[in-house]
Amino acid sequence: MARGGWVRGLNAGRVLRFAVVGGVGTLVNTAALYVLHRLLGVPLVVASVLAVELAVVHNYMVNNRWTFGMRAPSVRRFGKFNVSMLAGLAVNVLVLWALVHGGVHLVVANVVAIGAALAVNYVSSTLWVWGRNRGSS
């Protein structure tokens, strides 16, 4: 993508909206995990997978409309968003592992890892998920 597209993607308001959506998504994930596992007795791994995907659906729908200004959701964009979230998860785990094994305190390492994953998620969302052909599905 041309440099101009990259610079436009760094809009501070859009980054803030994306981060807010991610924060609310964390609350959605946590509440869903609690309800599914603690209240409904769903096995932990299954409850976690369902809670994560519920948060991804939430984040996609809100980002689609509020962060990126699309009128209608798209199955294709939703699939791409899921893939990009997996990439962010991989970065989060790798950065966390590397920092903790390098002697960084767990909480500090986790905050840095979350920041790295946020950056990857935002860039992939801006350039790939909602990037080119923004008006198409």
C-alpha atoms as a PDB file:
ATOM      1  CA  MET A   1       0.000   0.000   0.000  1.00  0.00           C
ATOM      2  CA  ALA A   2       1.221   3.488  -0.735  1.00  0.00           C
ATOM      3  CA  ARG A   3       2.751   5.504   2.092  1.00  0.00           C
ATOM      4  CA  GLY A   4      -0.254   7.855   2.063  1.00  0.00           C
ATOM      5  CA  GLY A   5      -2.543   4.941   2.981  1.00  0.00           C
ATOM      6  CA  TRP A   6      -0.310   4.037   5.896  1.00  0.00           C
ATOM      7  CA  VAL A   7      -0.229   7.602   7.221  1.00  0.00           C
ATOM      8  CA  ARG A   8      -4.023   7.955   6.929  1.00  0.00           C
ATOM      9  CA  GLY A   9      -4.318   4.725   8.910  1.00  0.00           C
ATOM     10  CA  LEU A  10      -2.556   6.340  11.869  1.00  0.00           C
ATOM     11  CA  ASN A  11      -5.463   8.709  12.577  1.00  0.00           C
ATOM     12  CA  ALA A  12      -5.316   9.297  16.351  1.00  0.00           C
ATOM     13  CA  GLY A  13      -9.102   9.255  16.767  1.00  0.00           C
ATOM     14  CA  ARG A  14      -9.390   5.968  14.931  1.00  0.00           C
ATOM     15  CA  VAL A  15      -6.587   4.427  17.009  1.00  0.00           C
ATOM     16  CA  LEU A  16      -8.342   5.556  20.194  1.00  0.00           C
ATOM     17  CA  ARG A  17     -11.700   4.150  19.045  1.00  0.00           C
ATOM     18  CA  PHE A  18      -9.999   0.854  18.119  1.00  0.00           C
ATOM     19  CA  ALA A  19      -8.369   0.687  21.574  1.00  0.00           C
ATOM     20  CA  VAL A  20     -11.653   1.495  23.348  1.00  0.00           C
ATOM     21  CA  VAL A  21     -13.426  -1.255  21.389  1.00  0.00           C
ATOM     22  CA  GLY A  22     -10.661  -3.672  22.391  1.00  0.00           C
ATOM     23  CA  GLY A  23     -11.046  -2.683  26.038  1.00  0.00           C
ATOM     24  CA  VAL A  24     -14.801  -3.230  25.948  1.00  0.00           C
ATOM     25  CA  GLY A  25     -14.168  -6.509  24.118  1.00  0.00           C
ATOM     26  CA  THR A  26     -12.006  -7.587  27.051  1.00  0.00           C
ATOM     27  CA  LEU A  27     -14.956  -6.961  29.367  1.00  0.00           C
ATOM     28  CA  VAL A  28     -17.266  -8.904  27.020  1.00  0.00           C
ATOM     29  CA  ASN A  29     -14.801 -11.799  27.006  1.00  0.00           C
ATOM     30  CA  THR A  30     -14.451 -11.811  30.791  1.00  0.00           C
ATOM     31  CA  ALA A  31     -18.199 -11.620  31.442  1.00  0.00           C
ATOM     32  CA  ALA A  32     -18.950 -14.341  28.891  1.00  0.00           C
ATOM     33  CA  LEU A  33     -16.239 -16.590  30.343  1.00  0.00           C
ATOM     34  CA  TYR A  34     -17.617 -16.138  33.850  1.00  0.00           C
ATOM     35  CA  VAL A  35     -21.215 -16.820  32.816  1.00  0.00           C
ATOM     36  CA  LEU A  36     -20.366 -19.787  30.607  1.00  0.00           C
ATOM     37  CA  HIS A  37     -17.923 -21.504  32.959  1.00  0.00           C
ATOM     38  CA  ARG A  38     -18.972 -20.500  36.471  1.00  0.00           C
ATOM     39  CA  LEU A  39     -22.713 -20.132  36.084  1.00  0.00           C
ATOM     40  CA  LEU A  40     -23.539 -22.558  33.266  1.00  0.00           C
ATOM     41  CA  GLY A  41     -20.843 -25.160  33.920  1.00  0.00           C
ATOM     42  CA  VAL A  42     -19.384 -25.168  30.390  1.00  0.00           C
ATOM     43  CA  PRO A  43     -15.893 -26.750  30.473  1.00  0.00           C
ATOM     44  CA  LEU A  44     -13.179 -24.092  30.795  1.00  0.00           C
ATOM     45  CA  VAL A  45     -11.513 -24.534  27.395  1.00  0.00           C
ATOM     46  CA  VAL A  46     -14.852 -24.570  25.544  1.00  0.00           C
ATOM     47  CA  ALA A  47     -16.072 -21.581  27.575  1.00  0.00           C
ATOM     48  CA  SER A  48     -12.874 -19.702  26.793  1.00  0.00           C
ATOM     49  CA  VAL A  49     -13.118 -20.354  23.052  1.00  0.00           C
ATOM     50  CA  LEU A  50     -16.755 -19.228  23.029  1.00  0.00           C
ATOM     51  CA  ALA A  51     -15.979 -16.138  25.124  1.00  0.00           C
ATOM     52  CA  VAL A  52     -13.097 -15.138  22.864  1.00  0.00           C
ATOM     53  CA  GLU A  53     -15.192 -15.548  19.729  1.00  0.00           C
ATOM     54  CA  LEU A  54     -18.065 -13.589  21.276  1.00  0.00           C
ATOM     55  CA  ALA A  55     -15.610 -10.767  22.021  1.00  0.00           C
ATOM     56  CA  VAL A  56     -14.263 -10.971  18.453  1.00  0.00           C
ATOM     57  CA  VAL A  57     -17.810 -10.710  17.067  1.00  0.00           C
ATOM     58  CA  HIS A  58     -18.481  -7.733  19.336  1.00  0.00           C
ATOM     59  CA  ASN A  59     -15.220  -6.038  18.363  1.00  0.00           C
ATOM     60  CA  TYR A  60     -15.808  -6.650  14.675  1.00  0.00           C
ATOM     61  CA  MET A  61     -19.340  -5.244  14.726  1.00  0.00           C
ATOM     62  CA  VAL A  62     -18.403  -2.118  16.699  1.00  0.00           C
ATOM     63  CA  ASN A  63     -15.157  -1.508  14.799  1.00  0.00           C
ATOM     64  CA  ASN A  64     -16.952  -2.029  11.508  1.00  0.00           C
ATOM     65  CA  ARG A  65     -19.449   0.725  12.261  1.00  0.00           C
ATOM     66  CA  TRP A  66     -17.794   3.077  14.770  1.00  0.00           C
ATOM     67  CA  THR A  67     -14.063   2.818  14.064  1.00  0.00           C
ATOM     68  CA  PHE A  68     -14.085   2.284  10.298  1.00  0.00           C
ATOM     69  CA  GLY A  69     -17.468   3.791   9.369  1.00  0.00           C
ATOM     70  CA  MET A  70     -18.954   0.908   7.390  1.00  0.00           C
ATOM     71  CA  ARG A  71     -22.715   0.744   7.065  1.00  0.00           C
ATOM     72  CA  ALA A  72     -23.082  -3.025   6.852  1.00  0.00           C
ATOM     73  CA  PRO A  73     -21.047  -5.966   8.138  1.00  0.00           C
ATOM     74  CA  SER A  74     -19.342  -8.290   5.681  1.00  0.00           C
ATOM     75  CA  VAL A  75     -18.685 -12.013   6.052  1.00  0.00           C
ATOM     76  CA  ARG A  76     -15.419 -11.576   4.155  1.00  0.00           C
ATOM     77  CA  ARG A  77     -14.215  -8.749   6.429  1.00  0.00           C
ATOM     78  CA  PHE A  78     -15.333 -10.711   9.484  1.00  0.00           C
ATOM     79  CA  GLY A  79     -13.218 -13.684   8.381  1.00  0.00           C
ATOM     80  CA  LYS A  80     -10.239 -11.425   7.783  1.00  0.00           C
ATOM     81  CA  PHE A  81     -10.763  -9.801  11.184  1.00  0.00           C
ATOM     82  CA  ASN A  82     -10.718 -13.219  12.872  1.00  0.00           C
ATOM     83  CA  VAL A  83      -7.436 -14.069  11.136  1.00  0.00           C
ATOM     84  CA  SER A  84      -5.916 -10.725  12.083  1.00  0.00           C
ATOM     85  CA  MET A  85      -6.921 -11.232  15.721  1.00  0.00           C
ATOM     86  CA  LEU A  86      -5.101 -14.594  15.712  1.00  0.00           C
ATOM     87  CA  ALA A  87      -1.979 -12.818  14.460  1.00  0.00           C
ATOM     88  CA  GLY A  88      -2.297 -10.325  17.309  1.00  0.00           C
ATOM     89  CA  LEU A  89      -2.692 -13.168  19.788  1.00  0.00           C
ATOM     90  CA  ALA A  90       0.483 -14.819  18.477  1.00  0.00           C
ATOM     91  CA  VAL A  91       2.404 -11.546  18.845  1.00  0.00           C
ATOM     92  CA  ASN A  92       1.029 -11.063  22.355  1.00  0.00           C
ATOM     93  CA  VAL A  93       2.123 -14.522  23.503  1.00  0.00           C
ATOM     94  CA  LEU A  94       5.557 -14.298  21.833  1.00  0.00           C
ATOM     95  CA  VAL A  95       6.356 -10.850  23.230  1.00  0.00           C
ATOM     96  CA  LEU A  96       5.134 -11.836  26.697  1.00  0.00           C
ATOM     97  CA  TRP A  97       7.189 -15.030  26.684  1.00  0.00           C
ATOM     98  CA  ALA A  98      10.342 -13.289  25.409  1.00  0.00           C
ATOM     99  CA  LEU A  99      10.123 -10.447  27.914  1.00  0.00           C
ATOM    100  CA  VAL A 100       9.380 -12.652  30.927  1.00  0.00           C
ATOM    101  CA  HIS A 101      12.202 -15.008  29.983  1.00  0.00           C
ATOM    102  CA  GLY A 102      14.425 -11.953  29.550  1.00  0.00           C
ATOM    103  CA  GLY A 103      13.801 -10.906  33.139  1.00  0.00           C
ATOM    104  CA  VAL A 104      11.003  -8.350  32.726  1.00  0.00           C
ATOM    105  CA  HIS A 105       8.331  -8.397  35.433  1.00  0.00           C
ATOM    106  CA  LEU A 106       5.204 -10.309  34.370  1.00  0.00           C
ATOM    107  CA  VAL A 107       2.812  -7.352  34.638  1.00  0.00           C
ATOM    108  CA  VAL A 108       5.123  -4.984  32.756  1.00  0.00           C
ATOM    109  CA  ALA A 109       5.750  -7.646  30.119  1.00  0.00           C
ATOM    110  CA  ASN A 110       2.015  -8.207  29.745  1.00  0.00           C
ATOM    111  CA  VAL A 111       1.306  -4.491  29.223  1.00  0.00           C
ATOM    112  CA  VAL A 112       4.054  -4.298  26.577  1.00  0.00           C
ATOM    113  CA  ALA A 113       2.729  -7.475  24.922  1.00  0.00           C
ATOM    114  CA  ILE A 114      -0.806  -6.079  24.839  1.00  0.00           C
ATOM    115  CA  GLY A 115       0.532  -2.894  23.254  1.00  0.00           C
ATOM    116  CA  ALA A 116       2.402  -4.891  20.619  1.00  0.00           C
ATOM    117  CA  ALA A 117      -0.707  -6.950  19.855  1.00  0.00           C
ATOM    118  CA  LEU A 118      -2.828  -3.787  19.669  1.00  0.00           C
ATOM    119  CA  ALA A 119      -0.389  -2.362  17.129  1.00  0.00           C
ATOM    120  CA  VAL A 120      -0.477  -5.522  15.012  1.00  0.00           C
ATOM    121  CA  ASN A 121      -4.265  -5.743  15.235  1.00  0.00           C
ATOM    122  CA  TYR A 122      -4.724  -2.087  14.327  1.00  0.00           C
ATOM    123  CA  VAL A 123      -2.315  -2.166  11.392  1.00  0.00           C
ATOM    124  CA  SER A 124      -3.783  -5.395   9.996  1.00  0.00           C
ATOM    125  CA  SER A 125      -7.313  -4.060  10.465  1.00  0.00           C
ATOM    126  CA  THR A 126      -6.508  -0.745   8.824  1.00  0.00           C
ATOM    127  CA  LEU A 127      -4.499  -2.098   5.908  1.00  0.00           C
ATOM    128  CA  TRP A 128      -6.041  -5.517   5.303  1.00  0.00           C
ATOM    129  CA  VAL A 129      -9.462  -5.970   6.920  1.00  0.00           C
ATOM    130  CA  TRP A 130     -10.906  -2.512   6.236  1.00  0.00           C
ATOM    131  CA  GLY A 131      -8.157  -1.356   3.879  1.00  0.00           C
ATOM    132  CA  ARG A 132      -8.387  -1.203   0.110  1.00  0.00           C
ATOM    133  CA  ASN A 133     -11.818  -1.026  -1.487  1.00  0.00           C
ATOM    134  CA  ARG A 134     -13.371   0.208   1.749  1.00  0.00           C
ATOM    135  CA  GLY A 135     -16.739   0.451   0.122  1.00  0.00           C
ATOM    136  CA  SER A 136     -16.826  -3.177  -0.991  1.00  0.00           C
ATOM    137  CA  SER A 137     -17.545  -6.256   1.029  1.00  0.00           C
END
